Structures are given as C-alpha cells and as structure tokens.
Protein backbone atom coordinates (compact mmCIF):
# COMPACT_ATOMS: atom_id res chain seq x y z
CA MET A 1 89.81 71.81 32.15
CA VAL A 2 87.79 71.99 35.50
CA LYS A 3 83.91 72.35 35.04
CA ASN A 4 82.27 73.92 37.57
CA LYS A 5 78.57 72.33 38.03
CA ASN A 6 77.39 75.73 39.58
CA LEU A 7 78.07 78.13 36.66
CA GLY A 8 75.37 78.91 34.05
CA LYS A 9 72.30 77.90 36.37
CA ILE A 10 71.59 81.81 36.73
CA LYS A 11 69.18 82.77 33.86
CA GLY A 12 66.80 85.35 32.49
CA PHE A 13 68.28 88.69 33.93
CA THR A 14 70.40 91.45 32.49
CA ILE A 15 72.34 94.29 34.56
CA GLN A 16 70.88 97.79 33.10
CA PHE A 17 73.33 100.83 33.61
CA LEU A 18 70.95 103.73 34.16
CA PRO A 19 72.33 107.24 33.88
CA TYR A 20 71.00 110.00 36.24
CA SER A 21 70.15 112.01 33.01
CA GLU A 22 67.35 109.89 32.25
CA ILE A 23 65.52 110.14 35.57
CA ARG A 24 66.94 113.72 36.24
CA TYR A 25 63.76 115.42 34.66
CA LEU A 26 61.13 113.05 36.30
CA ASN A 27 59.15 113.90 39.53
CA SER A 28 59.63 111.33 42.43
CA ASN A 29 56.53 109.17 41.06
CA GLU A 30 57.91 108.90 37.60
CA ARG A 31 61.49 108.02 39.03
CA ILE A 32 59.73 105.45 41.12
CA LYS A 33 57.73 104.06 38.32
CA LYS A 34 60.67 103.56 35.95
CA ILE A 35 62.57 101.88 38.61
CA LEU A 36 60.21 99.35 39.82
CA GLY A 37 59.56 98.73 35.68
CA ILE A 38 62.97 97.87 35.08
CA VAL A 39 63.47 95.60 38.20
CA LEU A 40 60.18 93.86 37.53
CA GLY A 41 61.54 92.85 34.40
CA ASN A 42 64.26 90.99 36.21
CA ASN A 43 66.78 93.41 35.90
CA ILE A 44 69.77 94.43 38.24
CA ILE A 45 70.06 98.43 37.88
CA ILE A 46 73.34 100.52 38.46
CA LEU A 47 72.42 103.76 38.85
CA GLN A 48 74.58 106.47 38.35
CA GLY A 49 74.05 108.71 41.64
CA LYS A 50 71.09 108.14 44.16
CA LEU A 51 67.93 108.67 45.19
CA ARG A 52 67.03 111.55 47.46
CA PRO A 53 66.23 109.92 51.10
CA GLU A 54 62.29 110.19 50.55
CA GLU A 55 62.11 108.37 47.31
CA GLU A 56 64.15 105.62 48.54
CA THR A 57 61.88 105.29 51.12
CA ARG A 58 58.99 105.45 48.71
CA LEU A 59 60.55 102.69 46.57
CA ILE A 60 61.19 100.26 49.32
CA GLY A 61 57.45 101.02 50.61
CA ASP A 62 55.97 100.59 47.35
CA THR A 63 57.85 97.02 46.94
CA MET A 64 56.61 95.72 50.31
CA ALA A 65 52.96 96.48 49.24
CA MET A 66 53.81 94.49 45.77
CA ILE A 67 54.84 91.52 47.31
CA ASP A 68 51.74 89.92 47.83
CA HIS A 69 49.96 91.17 44.82
CA VAL A 70 52.67 90.39 41.77
CA LYS A 71 53.23 86.86 40.66
CA ASN A 72 57.18 85.91 41.82
CA PHE A 73 57.84 89.24 43.05
CA LYS A 74 60.10 88.89 46.46
CA GLY A 75 60.93 92.43 46.81
CA ILE A 76 64.13 94.30 46.07
CA GLU A 77 67.84 94.45 47.33
CA LEU A 78 69.11 97.82 47.73
CA ALA A 79 72.54 99.52 48.43
CA VAL A 80 74.37 103.08 48.08
CA ILE A 81 77.99 103.19 47.45
CA SER A 82 79.30 106.85 47.70
CA GLY A 83 82.68 108.34 48.65
CA ASN A 84 84.62 107.27 52.05
CA GLY A 85 83.93 110.65 53.43
CA GLU A 86 87.38 111.67 54.17
CA ASP A 87 87.50 114.60 51.90
CA GLY A 88 88.15 118.07 53.45
CA PHE A 89 85.65 120.66 54.06
CA PHE A 90 86.54 122.73 50.69
CA THR A 91 86.62 119.40 48.80
CA LYS A 92 82.92 118.57 50.22
CA MET A 93 81.81 122.07 49.43
CA LYS A 94 82.65 121.92 45.83
CA GLN A 95 81.23 118.79 45.50
CA GLY A 96 78.13 120.00 47.10
CA VAL A 97 77.88 122.70 44.55
CA ALA A 98 78.59 120.69 41.48
CA ASN A 99 76.12 117.97 42.52
CA ALA A 100 73.54 120.87 43.40
CA LEU A 101 74.08 122.25 39.82
CA ALA A 102 74.11 118.96 37.96
CA GLY A 103 70.94 118.04 39.83
CA GLY A 104 72.11 114.72 41.50
CA ASP A 105 74.95 113.18 43.60
CA PHE A 106 77.36 111.70 40.99
CA GLY A 107 79.93 110.92 44.11
CA ALA A 108 77.60 107.64 44.33
CA VAL A 109 76.26 104.72 42.63
CA THR A 110 73.10 103.05 43.77
CA ILE A 111 72.52 99.10 42.75
CA ILE A 112 68.90 97.89 43.07
CA GLY A 113 67.91 94.28 41.93
CA PRO A 114 65.00 92.09 42.41
CA ALA A 115 65.39 89.82 45.81
CA THR A 116 64.60 86.83 43.79
CA ILE A 117 67.89 87.34 41.78
CA VAL A 118 70.32 89.08 44.23
CA LYS A 119 71.04 87.24 47.55
CA GLU A 120 72.93 90.34 49.03
CA ILE A 121 74.96 93.34 48.50
CA LYS A 122 77.97 93.89 50.49
CA LYS A 123 80.06 96.99 50.52
CA ASN A 124 83.07 98.46 51.54
CA PRO A 125 85.01 101.61 50.68
CA LYS A 126 87.18 99.40 48.23
CA LYS A 127 84.90 96.99 46.39
CA ILE A 128 81.26 96.05 45.84
CA GLU A 129 80.14 92.17 46.22
CA LEU A 130 77.12 91.31 44.60
CA PHE A 131 75.84 87.98 45.41
CA LEU A 132 73.25 86.16 43.28
CA LYS A 133 71.10 83.38 44.34
CA ASN A 134 71.14 80.12 42.32
CA THR A 135 68.24 79.21 40.40
C-alpha cells in the first residue's frame, strides 16, 4: 500500500447540491444572499440550472465588495456548464419552452465555491475538473 502524503490535507468544507426548486421563488436579492450564506460556510455549491446573467454579475460584485470586509474571505470561483450547443432549431425551441415553464435552465449546472478552497474549475463538453487548494 502506497501512502500519498498530500491526501487528507484539505479540511473543513462540504459539497452541497442546491436544487433549483429551493431558489425558484426567491427574488434576486434573496438568491444571492442564500448562495453567499452557503459559500461563506466553506461549502462548494452544485446548483441545478443557472442564475440569470444579472444575478451572476451581482453575485460576483457582492463577493468583490466583501473581500476586505469578511475575515478569511478571498472571493469565489464560479463556472456554468451547459449543453454543447449542437442541438437543432426545434430541439432548442422545445428546451426553451420547457425551461420557461419550469422557471430555470435545467440543461445547465453551476458550480460556486470559495476561492480559499477552490483553486480552479476547468470545463469542457465532456467533463468538469474541480481543483482544490492544499490547506
């Protein structure tokens, strides 16, 4: 048995799945507040769906404003992974109608984590790589 000395050095975080149904009826301010509350608790969020562009911008802006005011907070890492975009017109139209009825884009997943834990998120059409910092 080979021991890896680097294993087990990352401590104090969890990965939390957040179904879109938990934020569907929240307004933008409440969504941002809920997400920041989870991230400030050293959690990496896997969000079903994605935020609206203005909410994503607001989330990033709010975290930038918090960096100098919240102890040990270094910001967030965020990535949105969605379909490969190779669907035909009618498939895209059906998905658009379904997403509008459901209130969110369920063909996407958003990963949000504190920058003190998440080093980098790489994405390509076939996989997501989440690199964590050694602490």
